[in-house]
Amino acid sequence: MKKIEAIIRPEKASGVFNALKELGHPGVMFSKVEGHGNGNEEGPELHVRGNTYKHDLVEKARVEVIAKENEIEVIVNAIRKAAYTGESGDGNIFIHSLDDAMRVRTGERGECAI
């Protein structure tokens, strides 16, 4: 089992979700995150009580998918295709090894739990 974690543009999240759904893999988690990569992206300027502040963090969406080993390449390629703009800030995809999983309701473990 593997955990696929993608940091993408927020406006691409629905396209990624639809791409995964079309693959028959709707089990996905999305969350809003802020971060700063080593690209040319800059955060917004905030105006508070007449003062301007530079916010260096950029809003992104984090996509997390738990998948079987034989599904990884198809899922990663679907995420990349759906998240791609060709511009700096498209994001990154990380693939982590996963030792075990357990379904809370049934107690099933391993690949049966995903």
PDB file of N, CA and C in Angstrom:
ATOM      1  N   MET A   1       0.844  -1.183   0.000  1.00  0.00           N
ATOM      2  CA  MET A   1       0.000   0.000   0.000  1.00  0.00           C
ATOM      3  C   MET A   1       0.885   1.239   0.000  1.00  0.00           C
ATOM      4  N   LYS A   2       0.342   2.296  -0.593  1.00  0.00           N
ATOM      5  CA  LYS A   2       1.044   3.566  -0.651  1.00  0.00           C
ATOM      6  C   LYS A   2       0.070   4.697  -0.351  1.00  0.00           C
ATOM      7  N   LYS A   3       0.631   5.797   0.121  1.00  0.00           N
ATOM      8  CA  LYS A   3      -0.139   7.024   0.295  1.00  0.00           C
ATOM      9  C   LYS A   3       0.385   8.012  -0.734  1.00  0.00           C
ATOM     10  N   ILE A   4      -0.513   8.516  -1.558  1.00  0.00           N
ATOM     11  CA  ILE A   4      -0.170   9.525  -2.545  1.00  0.00           C
ATOM     12  C   ILE A   4      -0.644  10.858  -1.973  1.00  0.00           C
ATOM     13  N   GLU A   5       0.278  11.794  -1.886  1.00  0.00           N
ATOM     14  CA  GLU A   5      -0.035  13.125  -1.353  1.00  0.00           C
ATOM     15  C   GLU A   5       0.349  14.140  -2.423  1.00  0.00           C
ATOM     16  N   ALA A   6      -0.612  14.917  -2.859  1.00  0.00           N
ATOM     17  CA  ALA A   6      -0.359  15.923  -3.887  1.00  0.00           C
ATOM     18  C   ALA A   6      -0.695  17.297  -3.336  1.00  0.00           C
ATOM     19  N   ILE A   7       0.195  18.248  -3.576  1.00  0.00           N
ATOM     20  CA  ILE A   7      -0.044  19.640  -3.224  1.00  0.00           C
ATOM     21  C   ILE A   7      -0.290  20.351  -4.553  1.00  0.00           C
ATOM     22  N   ILE A   8      -1.501  20.867  -4.729  1.00  0.00           N
ATOM     23  CA  ILE A   8      -1.910  21.416  -6.031  1.00  0.00           C
ATOM     24  C   ILE A   8      -2.567  22.784  -5.862  1.00  0.00           C
ATOM     25  N   ARG A   9      -2.818  23.431  -6.988  1.00  0.00           N
ATOM     26  CA  ARG A   9      -3.565  24.687  -6.976  1.00  0.00           C
ATOM     27  C   ARG A   9      -5.003  24.399  -6.507  1.00  0.00           C
ATOM     28  N   PRO A  10      -5.569  25.240  -5.649  1.00  0.00           N
ATOM     29  CA  PRO A  10      -6.926  25.000  -5.154  1.00  0.00           C
ATOM     30  C   PRO A  10      -7.968  24.922  -6.264  1.00  0.00           C
ATOM     31  N   GLU A  11      -7.792  25.712  -7.315  1.00  0.00           N
ATOM     32  CA  GLU A  11      -8.776  25.711  -8.401  1.00  0.00           C
ATOM     33  C   GLU A  11      -8.738  24.425  -9.228  1.00  0.00           C
ATOM     34  N   LYS A  12      -7.740  23.580  -9.017  1.00  0.00           N
ATOM     35  CA  LYS A  12      -7.637  22.309  -9.733  1.00  0.00           C
ATOM     36  C   LYS A  12      -8.197  21.134  -8.929  1.00  0.00           C
ATOM     37  N   ALA A  13      -8.614  21.382  -7.699  1.00  0.00           N
ATOM     38  CA  ALA A  13      -9.072  20.305  -6.814  1.00  0.00           C
ATOM     39  C   ALA A  13     -10.282  19.556  -7.373  1.00  0.00           C
ATOM     40  N   SER A  14     -11.272  20.257  -7.898  1.00  0.00           N
ATOM     41  CA  SER A  14     -12.461  19.568  -8.416  1.00  0.00           C
ATOM     42  C   SER A  14     -12.112  18.733  -9.648  1.00  0.00           C
ATOM     43  N   GLY A  15     -11.198  19.209 -10.479  1.00  0.00           N
ATOM     44  CA  GLY A  15     -10.766  18.433 -11.641  1.00  0.00           C
ATOM     45  C   GLY A  15     -10.038  17.166 -11.235  1.00  0.00           C
ATOM     46  N   VAL A  16      -9.208  17.257 -10.191  1.00  0.00           N
ATOM     47  CA  VAL A  16      -8.505  16.078  -9.676  1.00  0.00           C
ATOM     48  C   VAL A  16      -9.511  15.093  -9.094  1.00  0.00           C
ATOM     49  N   PHE A  17     -10.472  15.593  -8.320  1.00  0.00           N
ATOM     50  CA  PHE A  17     -11.495  14.713  -7.753  1.00  0.00           C
ATOM     51  C   PHE A  17     -12.260  13.983  -8.852  1.00  0.00           C
ATOM     52  N   ASN A  18     -12.661  14.707  -9.889  1.00  0.00           N
ATOM     53  CA  ASN A  18     -13.395  14.081 -10.996  1.00  0.00           C
ATOM     54  C   ASN A  18     -12.546  13.055 -11.731  1.00  0.00           C
ATOM     55  N   ALA A  19     -11.257  13.335 -11.906  1.00  0.00           N
ATOM     56  CA  ALA A  19     -10.361  12.381 -12.574  1.00  0.00           C
ATOM     57  C   ALA A  19     -10.231  11.097 -11.761  1.00  0.00           C
ATOM     58  N   LEU A  20     -10.123  11.231 -10.445  1.00  0.00           N
ATOM     59  CA  LEU A  20     -10.027  10.043  -9.592  1.00  0.00           C
ATOM     60  C   LEU A  20     -11.339   9.262  -9.577  1.00  0.00           C
ATOM     61  N   LYS A  21     -12.440   9.993  -9.582  1.00  0.00           N
ATOM     62  CA  LYS A  21     -13.759   9.359  -9.614  1.00  0.00           C
ATOM     63  C   LYS A  21     -13.938   8.551 -10.904  1.00  0.00           C
ATOM     64  N   GLU A  22     -13.487   9.108 -12.029  1.00  0.00           N
ATOM     65  CA  GLU A  22     -13.565   8.401 -13.313  1.00  0.00           C
ATOM     66  C   GLU A  22     -12.723   7.130 -13.314  1.00  0.00           C
ATOM     67  N   LEU A  23     -11.636   7.127 -12.553  1.00  0.00           N
ATOM     68  CA  LEU A  23     -10.800   5.929 -12.441  1.00  0.00           C
ATOM     69  C   LEU A  23     -11.458   4.870 -11.568  1.00  0.00           C
ATOM     70  N   GLY A  24     -12.521   5.246 -10.890  1.00  0.00           N
ATOM     71  CA  GLY A  24     -13.147   4.317  -9.944  1.00  0.00           C
ATOM     72  C   GLY A  24     -12.463   4.358  -8.596  1.00  0.00           C
ATOM     73  N   HIS A  25     -11.822   5.478  -8.294  1.00  0.00           N
ATOM     74  CA  HIS A  25     -11.125   5.631  -7.019  1.00  0.00           C
ATOM     75  C   HIS A  25     -11.594   6.898  -6.315  1.00  0.00           C
ATOM     76  N   PRO A  26     -12.845   6.905  -5.830  1.00  0.00           N
ATOM     77  CA  PRO A  26     -13.379   8.114  -5.204  1.00  0.00           C
ATOM     78  C   PRO A  26     -12.908   8.335  -3.769  1.00  0.00           C
ATOM     79  N   GLY A  27     -12.187   7.366  -3.186  1.00  0.00           N
ATOM     80  CA  GLY A  27     -11.707   7.508  -1.814  1.00  0.00           C
ATOM     81  C   GLY A  27     -10.539   8.471  -1.746  1.00  0.00           C
ATOM     82  N   VAL A  28     -10.822   9.715  -1.418  1.00  0.00           N
ATOM     83  CA  VAL A  28      -9.806  10.754  -1.435  1.00  0.00           C
ATOM     84  C   VAL A  28     -10.088  11.759  -0.326  1.00  0.00           C
ATOM     85  N   MET A  29      -9.033  12.388   0.188  1.00  0.00           N
ATOM     86  CA  MET A  29      -9.177  13.433   1.201  1.00  0.00           C
ATOM     87  C   MET A  29      -8.588  14.722   0.648  1.00  0.00           C
ATOM     88  N   PHE A  30      -9.294  15.818   0.843  1.00  0.00           N
ATOM     89  CA  PHE A  30      -8.812  17.129   0.437  1.00  0.00           C
ATOM     90  C   PHE A  30      -8.722  18.008   1.676  1.00  0.00           C
ATOM     91  N   SER A  31      -7.702  18.857   1.722  1.00  0.00           N
ATOM     92  CA  SER A  31      -7.612  19.846   2.788  1.00  0.00           C
ATOM     93  C   SER A  31      -6.939  21.096   2.237  1.00  0.00           C
ATOM     94  N   LYS A  32      -7.254  22.224   2.856  1.00  0.00           N
ATOM     95  CA  LYS A  32      -6.620  23.492   2.481  1.00  0.00           C
ATOM     96  C   LYS A  32      -5.326  23.605   3.280  1.00  0.00           C
ATOM     97  N   VAL A  33      -4.266  23.977   2.583  1.00  0.00           N
ATOM     98  CA  VAL A  33      -2.979  24.177   3.245  1.00  0.00           C
ATOM     99  C   VAL A  33      -2.355  25.463   2.716  1.00  0.00           C
ATOM    100  N   GLU A  34      -1.398  25.968   3.450  1.00  0.00           N
ATOM    101  CA  GLU A  34      -0.614  27.113   2.994  1.00  0.00           C
ATOM    102  C   GLU A  34       0.843  26.710   3.037  1.00  0.00           C
ATOM    103  N   GLY A  35       1.599  27.200   2.080  1.00  0.00           N
ATOM    104  CA  GLY A  35       3.008  26.863   2.075  1.00  0.00           C
ATOM    105  C   GLY A  35       3.778  27.755   1.131  1.00  0.00           C
ATOM    106  N   HIS A  36       5.063  27.473   1.051  1.00  0.00           N
ATOM    107  CA  HIS A  36       5.938  28.232   0.182  1.00  0.00           C
ATOM    108  C   HIS A  36       6.947  27.267  -0.404  1.00  0.00           C
ATOM    109  N   GLY A  37       6.952  27.143  -1.701  1.00  0.00           N
ATOM    110  CA  GLY A  37       7.913  26.279  -2.373  1.00  0.00           C
ATOM    111  C   GLY A  37       9.120  27.080  -2.793  1.00  0.00           C
ATOM    112  N   ASN A  38       9.896  26.525  -3.711  1.00  0.00           N
ATOM    113  CA  ASN A  38      11.059  27.250  -4.187  1.00  0.00           C
ATOM    114  C   ASN A  38      10.837  27.813  -5.588  1.00  0.00           C
ATOM    115  N   GLY A  39       9.579  28.009  -5.945  1.00  0.00           N
ATOM    116  CA  GLY A  39       9.234  28.601  -7.238  1.00  0.00           C
ATOM    117  C   GLY A  39       9.107  30.108  -7.138  1.00  0.00           C
ATOM    118  N   ASN A  40       8.453  30.699  -8.111  1.00  0.00           N
ATOM    119  CA  ASN A  40       8.310  32.152  -8.167  1.00  0.00           C
ATOM    120  C   ASN A  40       6.991  32.652  -7.601  1.00  0.00           C
ATOM    121  N   GLU A  41       6.236  31.791  -6.968  1.00  0.00           N
ATOM    122  CA  GLU A  41       4.940  32.209  -6.431  1.00  0.00           C
ATOM    123  C   GLU A  41       5.111  33.163  -5.264  1.00  0.00           C
ATOM    124  N   GLU A  42       4.231  34.123  -5.189  1.00  0.00           N
ATOM    125  CA  GLU A  42       4.216  35.046  -4.066  1.00  0.00           C
ATOM    126  C   GLU A  42       2.828  35.076  -3.470  1.00  0.00           C
ATOM    127  N   GLY A  43       2.776  35.203  -2.158  1.00  0.00           N
ATOM    128  CA  GLY A  43       1.499  35.294  -1.477  1.00  0.00           C
ATOM    129  C   GLY A  43       0.872  36.660  -1.666  1.00  0.00           C
ATOM    130  N   PRO A  44      -0.357  36.816  -1.215  1.00  0.00           N
ATOM    131  CA  PRO A  44      -1.072  38.086  -1.395  1.00  0.00           C
ATOM    132  C   PRO A  44      -0.589  39.157  -0.425  1.00  0.00           C
ATOM    133  N   GLU A  45      -0.874  40.396  -0.773  1.00  0.00           N
ATOM    134  CA  GLU A  45      -0.640  41.503   0.149  1.00  0.00           C
ATOM    135  C   GLU A  45      -1.904  41.673   0.976  1.00  0.00           C
ATOM    136  N   LEU A  46      -1.735  41.799   2.274  1.00  0.00           N
ATOM    137  CA  LEU A  46      -2.866  42.003   3.171  1.00  0.00           C
ATOM    138  C   LEU A  46      -2.880  43.459   3.623  1.00  0.00           C
ATOM    139  N   HIS A  47      -4.061  44.060   3.625  1.00  0.00           N
ATOM    140  CA  HIS A  47      -4.212  45.443   4.053  1.00  0.00           C
ATOM    141  C   HIS A  47      -5.024  45.443   5.343  1.00  0.00           C
ATOM    142  N   VAL A  48      -4.357  45.847   6.440  1.00  0.00           N
ATOM    143  CA  VAL A  48      -4.996  45.861   7.750  1.00  0.00           C
ATOM    144  C   VAL A  48      -4.787  47.222   8.390  1.00  0.00           C
ATOM    145  N   ARG A  49      -5.884  47.921   8.649  1.00  0.00           N
ATOM    146  CA  ARG A  49      -5.859  49.221   9.335  1.00  0.00           C
ATOM    147  C   ARG A  49      -4.833  50.182   8.731  1.00  0.00           C
ATOM    148  N   GLY A  50      -4.843  50.257   7.416  1.00  0.00           N
ATOM    149  CA  GLY A  50      -3.973  51.205   6.735  1.00  0.00           C
ATOM    150  C   GLY A  50      -2.552  50.724   6.505  1.00  0.00           C
ATOM    151  N   ASN A  51      -2.219  49.557   7.012  1.00  0.00           N
ATOM    152  CA  ASN A  51      -0.880  48.999   6.816  1.00  0.00           C
ATOM    153  C   ASN A  51      -0.942  47.843   5.816  1.00  0.00           C
ATOM    154  N   THR A  52       0.115  47.700   5.043  1.00  0.00           N
ATOM    155  CA  THR A  52       0.197  46.614   4.068  1.00  0.00           C
ATOM    156  C   THR A  52       1.213  45.591   4.550  1.00  0.00           C
ATOM    157  N   TYR A  53       0.802  44.338   4.577  1.00  0.00           N
ATOM    158  CA  TYR A  53       1.674  43.245   4.995  1.00  0.00           C
ATOM    159  C   TYR A  53       1.814  42.243   3.859  1.00  0.00           C
ATOM    160  N   LYS A  54       2.997  41.727   3.681  1.00  0.00           N
ATOM    161  CA  LYS A  54       3.248  40.710   2.669  1.00  0.00           C
ATOM    162  C   LYS A  54       3.062  39.341   3.321  1.00  0.00           C
ATOM    163  N   HIS A  55       2.159  38.570   2.785  1.00  0.00           N
ATOM    164  CA  HIS A  55       1.903  37.215   3.287  1.00  0.00           C
ATOM    165  C   HIS A  55       2.659  36.258   2.367  1.00  0.00           C
ATOM    166  N   ASP A  56       3.732  35.660   2.857  1.00  0.00           N
ATOM    167  CA  ASP A  56       4.605  34.845   2.011  1.00  0.00           C
ATOM    168  C   ASP A  56       4.061  33.456   1.714  1.00  0.00           C
ATOM    169  N   LEU A  57       3.030  33.041   2.404  1.00  0.00           N
ATOM    170  CA  LEU A  57       2.481  31.707   2.182  1.00  0.00           C
ATOM    171  C   LEU A  57       1.381  31.753   1.137  1.00  0.00           C
ATOM    172  N   VAL A  58       1.338  30.720   0.305  1.00  0.00           N
ATOM    173  CA  VAL A  58       0.372  30.634  -0.780  1.00  0.00           C
ATOM    174  C   VAL A  58      -0.624  29.522  -0.457  1.00  0.00           C
ATOM    175  N   GLU A  59      -1.908  29.791  -0.699  1.00  0.00           N
ATOM    176  CA  GLU A  59      -2.933  28.773  -0.455  1.00  0.00           C
ATOM    177  C   GLU A  59      -2.844  27.678  -1.505  1.00  0.00           C
ATOM    178  N   LYS A  60      -2.887  26.437  -1.042  1.00  0.00           N
ATOM    179  CA  LYS A  60      -2.858  25.254  -1.903  1.00  0.00           C
ATOM    180  C   LYS A  60      -3.897  24.265  -1.400  1.00  0.00           C
ATOM    181  N   ALA A  61      -4.109  23.220  -2.171  1.00  0.00           N
ATOM    182  CA  ALA A  61      -4.969  22.117  -1.746  1.00  0.00           C
ATOM    183  C   ALA A  61      -4.092  20.878  -1.606  1.00  0.00           C
ATOM    184  N   ARG A  62      -4.310  20.126  -0.540  1.00  0.00           N
ATOM    185  CA  ARG A  62      -3.603  18.862  -0.358  1.00  0.00           C
ATOM    186  C   ARG A  62      -4.578  17.726  -0.665  1.00  0.00           C
ATOM    187  N   VAL A  63      -4.161  16.843  -1.541  1.00  0.00           N
ATOM    188  CA  VAL A  63      -4.954  15.681  -1.934  1.00  0.00           C
ATOM    189  C   VAL A  63      -4.243  14.461  -1.380  1.00  0.00           C
ATOM    190  N   GLU A  64      -4.981  13.600  -0.670  1.00  0.00           N
ATOM    191  CA  GLU A  64      -4.389  12.378  -0.129  1.00  0.00           C
ATOM    192  C   GLU A  64      -5.203  11.180  -0.586  1.00  0.00           C
ATOM    193  N   VAL A  65      -4.509  10.204  -1.134  1.00  0.00           N
ATOM    194  CA  VAL A  65      -5.144   8.986  -1.624  1.00  0.00           C
ATOM    195  C   VAL A  65      -4.345   7.800  -1.100  1.00  0.00           C
ATOM    196  N   ILE A  66      -5.030   6.812  -0.561  1.00  0.00           N
ATOM    197  CA  ILE A  66      -4.396   5.554  -0.157  1.00  0.00           C
ATOM    198  C   ILE A  66      -4.744   4.535  -1.237  1.00  0.00           C
ATOM    199  N   ALA A  67      -3.718   3.865  -1.763  1.00  0.00           N
ATOM    200  CA  ALA A  67      -3.955   2.978  -2.905  1.00  0.00           C
ATOM    201  C   ALA A  67      -3.107   1.718  -2.809  1.00  0.00           C
ATOM    202  N   LYS A  68      -3.547   0.724  -3.544  1.00  0.00           N
ATOM    203  CA  LYS A  68      -2.775  -0.516  -3.669  1.00  0.00           C
ATOM    204  C   LYS A  68      -1.595  -0.257  -4.600  1.00  0.00           C
ATOM    205  N   GLU A  69      -0.562  -1.042  -4.420  1.00  0.00           N
ATOM    206  CA  GLU A  69       0.679  -0.872  -5.182  1.00  0.00           C
ATOM    207  C   GLU A  69       0.444  -0.825  -6.698  1.00  0.00           C
ATOM    208  N   ASN A  70      -0.448  -1.682  -7.197  1.00  0.00           N
ATOM    209  CA  ASN A  70      -0.665  -1.762  -8.647  1.00  0.00           C
ATOM    210  C   ASN A  70      -1.497  -0.604  -9.205  1.00  0.00           C
ATOM    211  N   GLU A  71      -2.001   0.282  -8.359  1.00  0.00           N
ATOM    212  CA  GLU A  71      -2.808   1.425  -8.803  1.00  0.00           C
ATOM    213  C   GLU A  71      -2.019   2.736  -8.843  1.00  0.00           C
ATOM    214  N   ILE A  72      -0.825   2.732  -8.299  1.00  0.00           N
ATOM    215  CA  ILE A  72      -0.083   3.972  -8.071  1.00  0.00           C
ATOM    216  C   ILE A  72       0.145   4.786  -9.340  1.00  0.00           C
ATOM    217  N   GLU A  73       0.718   4.194 -10.373  1.00  0.00           N
ATOM    218  CA  GLU A  73       1.070   4.953 -11.575  1.00  0.00           C
ATOM    219  C   GLU A  73      -0.146   5.566 -12.254  1.00  0.00           C
ATOM    220  N   VAL A  74      -1.240   4.816 -12.313  1.00  0.00           N
ATOM    221  CA  VAL A  74      -2.457   5.327 -12.951  1.00  0.00           C
ATOM    222  C   VAL A  74      -3.003   6.520 -12.170  1.00  0.00           C
ATOM    223  N   ILE A  75      -3.015   6.419 -10.857  1.00  0.00           N
ATOM    224  CA  ILE A  75      -3.534   7.495 -10.009  1.00  0.00           C
ATOM    225  C   ILE A  75      -2.637   8.731 -10.086  1.00  0.00           C
ATOM    226  N   VAL A  76      -1.318   8.530  -9.990  1.00  0.00           N
ATOM    227  CA  VAL A  76      -0.384   9.646 -10.054  1.00  0.00           C
ATOM    228  C   VAL A  76      -0.497  10.373 -11.394  1.00  0.00           C
ATOM    229  N   ASN A  77      -0.597   9.612 -12.477  1.00  0.00           N
ATOM    230  CA  ASN A  77      -0.733  10.230 -13.800  1.00  0.00           C
ATOM    231  C   ASN A  77      -2.048  10.990 -13.947  1.00  0.00           C
ATOM    232  N   ALA A  78      -3.121  10.465 -13.370  1.00  0.00           N
ATOM    233  CA  ALA A  78      -4.417  11.155 -13.428  1.00  0.00           C
ATOM    234  C   ALA A  78      -4.372  12.464 -12.643  1.00  0.00           C
ATOM    235  N   ILE A  79      -3.734  12.444 -11.475  1.00  0.00           N
ATOM    236  CA  ILE A  79      -3.605  13.664 -10.674  1.00  0.00           C
ATOM    237  C   ILE A  79      -2.775  14.694 -11.434  1.00  0.00           C
ATOM    238  N   ARG A  80      -1.644  14.259 -11.978  1.00  0.00           N
ATOM    239  CA  ARG A  80      -0.771  15.190 -12.696  1.00  0.00           C
ATOM    240  C   ARG A  80      -1.489  15.818 -13.883  1.00  0.00           C
ATOM    241  N   LYS A  81      -2.179  15.006 -14.653  1.00  0.00           N
ATOM    242  CA  LYS A  81      -2.882  15.520 -15.837  1.00  0.00           C
ATOM    243  C   LYS A  81      -3.965  16.527 -15.434  1.00  0.00           C
ATOM    244  N   ALA A  82      -4.722  16.218 -14.377  1.00  0.00           N
ATOM    245  CA  ALA A  82      -5.815  17.100 -13.957  1.00  0.00           C
ATOM    246  C   ALA A  82      -5.311  18.375 -13.278  1.00  0.00           C
ATOM    247  N   ALA A  83      -4.120  18.342 -12.673  1.00  0.00           N
ATOM    248  CA  ALA A  83      -3.602  19.496 -11.943  1.00  0.00           C
ATOM    249  C   ALA A  83      -2.683  20.380 -12.792  1.00  0.00           C
ATOM    250  N   TYR A  84      -2.330  19.941 -13.959  1.00  0.00           N
ATOM    251  CA  TYR A  84      -1.315  20.603 -14.783  1.00  0.00           C
ATOM    252  C   TYR A  84      -1.822  21.894 -15.425  1.00  0.00           C
ATOM    253  N   THR A  85      -1.002  22.954 -15.306  1.00  0.00           N
ATOM    254  CA  THR A  85      -1.236  24.191 -16.068  1.00  0.00           C
ATOM    255  C   THR A  85      -0.002  24.552 -16.888  1.00  0.00           C
ATOM    256  N   GLY A  86       1.142  24.019 -16.506  1.00  0.00           N
ATOM    257  CA  GLY A  86       2.389  24.350 -17.176  1.00  0.00           C
ATOM    258  C   GLY A  86       3.090  25.553 -16.575  1.00  0.00           C
ATOM    259  N   GLU A  87       2.491  26.151 -15.557  1.00  0.00           N
ATOM    260  CA  GLU A  87       3.053  27.336 -14.905  1.00  0.00           C
ATOM    261  C   GLU A  87       3.710  26.945 -13.586  1.00  0.00           C
ATOM    262  N   SER A  88       4.597  27.811 -13.119  1.00  0.00           N
ATOM    263  CA  SER A  88       5.206  27.619 -11.810  1.00  0.00           C
ATOM    264  C   SER A  88       4.100  27.593 -10.755  1.00  0.00           C
ATOM    265  N   GLY A  89       4.202  26.686  -9.802  1.00  0.00           N
ATOM    266  CA  GLY A  89       3.192  26.589  -8.750  1.00  0.00           C
ATOM    267  C   GLY A  89       2.164  25.506  -8.979  1.00  0.00           C
ATOM    268  N   ASP A  90       2.359  24.659 -10.005  1.00  0.00           N
ATOM    269  CA  ASP A  90       1.426  23.558 -10.240  1.00  0.00           C
ATOM    270  C   ASP A  90       1.423  22.557  -9.089  1.00  0.00           C
ATOM    271  N   GLY A  91       2.525  22.460  -8.353  1.00  0.00           N
ATOM    272  CA  GLY A  91       2.550  21.619  -7.173  1.00  0.00           C
ATOM    273  C   GLY A  91       3.506  20.453  -7.268  1.00  0.00           C
ATOM    274  N   ASN A  92       3.325  19.512  -6.339  1.00  0.00           N
ATOM    275  CA  ASN A  92       4.160  18.324  -6.235  1.00  0.00           C
ATOM    276  C   ASN A  92       3.298  17.127  -5.872  1.00  0.00           C
ATOM    277  N   ILE A  93       3.796  15.956  -6.220  1.00  0.00           N
ATOM    278  CA  ILE A  93       3.150  14.706  -5.817  1.00  0.00           C
ATOM    279  C   ILE A  93       4.187  13.877  -5.070  1.00  0.00           C
ATOM    280  N   PHE A  94       3.826  13.420  -3.893  1.00  0.00           N
ATOM    281  CA  PHE A  94       4.700  12.593  -3.063  1.00  0.00           C
ATOM    282  C   PHE A  94       4.068  11.220  -2.903  1.00  0.00           C
ATOM    283  N   ILE A  95       4.895  10.194  -2.916  1.00  0.00           N
ATOM    284  CA  ILE A  95       4.417   8.821  -2.749  1.00  0.00           C
ATOM    285  C   ILE A  95       5.124   8.238  -1.533  1.00  0.00           C
ATOM    286  N   HIS A  96       4.328   7.873  -0.523  1.00  0.00           N
ATOM    287  CA  HIS A  96       4.864   7.357   0.735  1.00  0.00           C
ATOM    288  C   HIS A  96       4.526   5.871   0.882  1.00  0.00           C
ATOM    289  N   SER A  97       5.438   5.118   1.468  1.00  0.00           N
ATOM    290  CA  SER A  97       5.132   3.728   1.828  1.00  0.00           C
ATOM    291  C   SER A  97       4.183   3.739   3.014  1.00  0.00           C
ATOM    292  N   LEU A  98       3.301   2.767   3.041  1.00  0.00           N
ATOM    293  CA  LEU A  98       2.313   2.677   4.114  1.00  0.00           C
ATOM    294  C   LEU A  98       2.395   1.276   4.701  1.00  0.00           C
ATOM    295  N   ASP A  99       2.666   1.187   5.985  1.00  0.00           N
ATOM    296  CA  ASP A  99       2.850  -0.115   6.628  1.00  0.00           C
ATOM    297  C   ASP A  99       1.556  -0.879   6.829  1.00  0.00           C
ATOM    298  N   ASP A 100       0.509  -0.185   7.246  1.00  0.00           N
ATOM    299  CA  ASP A 100      -0.728  -0.883   7.567  1.00  0.00           C
ATOM    300  C   ASP A 100      -1.883   0.111   7.541  1.00  0.00           C
ATOM    301  N   ALA A 101      -3.091  -0.419   7.525  1.00  0.00           N
ATOM    302  CA  ALA A 101      -4.312   0.383   7.594  1.00  0.00           C
ATOM    303  C   ALA A 101      -5.368  -0.437   8.310  1.00  0.00           C
ATOM    304  N   MET A 102      -6.314   0.234   8.934  1.00  0.00           N
ATOM    305  CA  MET A 102      -7.412  -0.476   9.595  1.00  0.00           C
ATOM    306  C   MET A 102      -8.709   0.282   9.355  1.00  0.00           C
ATOM    307  N   ARG A 103      -9.735  -0.446   8.948  1.00  0.00           N
ATOM    308  CA  ARG A 103     -11.072   0.135   8.814  1.00  0.00           C
ATOM    309  C   ARG A 103     -11.707   0.146  10.202  1.00  0.00           C
ATOM    310  N   VAL A 104     -12.115   1.309  10.652  1.00  0.00           N
ATOM    311  CA  VAL A 104     -12.641   1.471  12.007  1.00  0.00           C
ATOM    312  C   VAL A 104     -13.882   0.614  12.229  1.00  0.00           C
ATOM    313  N   ARG A 105     -14.807   0.645  11.287  1.00  0.00           N
ATOM    314  CA  ARG A 105     -16.095  -0.041  11.469  1.00  0.00           C
ATOM    315  C   ARG A 105     -15.943  -1.558  11.586  1.00  0.00           C
ATOM    316  N   THR A 106     -15.101  -2.178  10.766  1.00  0.00           N
ATOM    317  CA  THR A 106     -15.032  -3.640  10.720  1.00  0.00           C
ATOM    318  C   THR A 106     -13.780  -4.235  11.340  1.00  0.00           C
ATOM    319  N   GLY A 107     -12.747  -3.417  11.522  1.00  0.00           N
ATOM    320  CA  GLY A 107     -11.487  -3.940  12.048  1.00  0.00           C
ATOM    321  C   GLY A 107     -10.620  -4.597  10.979  1.00  0.00           C
ATOM    322  N   GLU A 108     -11.061  -4.566   9.712  1.00  0.00           N
ATOM    323  CA  GLU A 108     -10.259  -5.135   8.637  1.00  0.00           C
ATOM    324  C   GLU A 108      -8.924  -4.409   8.563  1.00  0.00           C
ATOM    325  N   ARG A 109      -7.888  -5.169   8.162  1.00  0.00           N
ATOM    326  CA  ARG A 109      -6.544  -4.582   8.106  1.00  0.00           C
ATOM    327  C   ARG A 109      -5.922  -4.779   6.736  1.00  0.00           C
ATOM    328  N   GLY A 110      -4.908  -3.969   6.463  1.00  0.00           N
ATOM    329  CA  GLY A 110      -4.165  -4.072   5.211  1.00  0.00           C
ATOM    330  C   GLY A 110      -4.980  -3.561   4.041  1.00  0.00           C
ATOM    331  N   GLU A 111      -4.728  -4.166   2.871  1.00  0.00           N
ATOM    332  CA  GLU A 111      -5.411  -3.715   1.649  1.00  0.00           C
ATOM    333  C   GLU A 111      -6.925  -3.857   1.735  1.00  0.00           C
ATOM    334  N   CYS A 112      -7.411  -4.782   2.546  1.00  0.00           N
ATOM    335  CA  CYS A 112      -8.868  -4.932   2.723  1.00  0.00           C
ATOM    336  C   CYS A 112      -9.481  -3.675   3.332  1.00  0.00           C
ATOM    337  N   ALA A 113      -8.692  -2.929   4.072  1.00  0.00           N
ATOM    338  CA  ALA A 113      -9.197  -1.739   4.755  1.00  0.00           C
ATOM    339  C   ALA A 113      -9.308  -0.534   3.825  1.00  0.00           C
ATOM    340  N   ILE A 114      -8.695  -0.628   2.635  1.00  0.00           N
ATOM    341  CA  ILE A 114      -8.781   0.492   1.726  1.00  0.00           C
ATOM    342  C   ILE A 114      -9.722   0.135   0.609  1.00  0.00           C
TER     343      ILE A 114
END
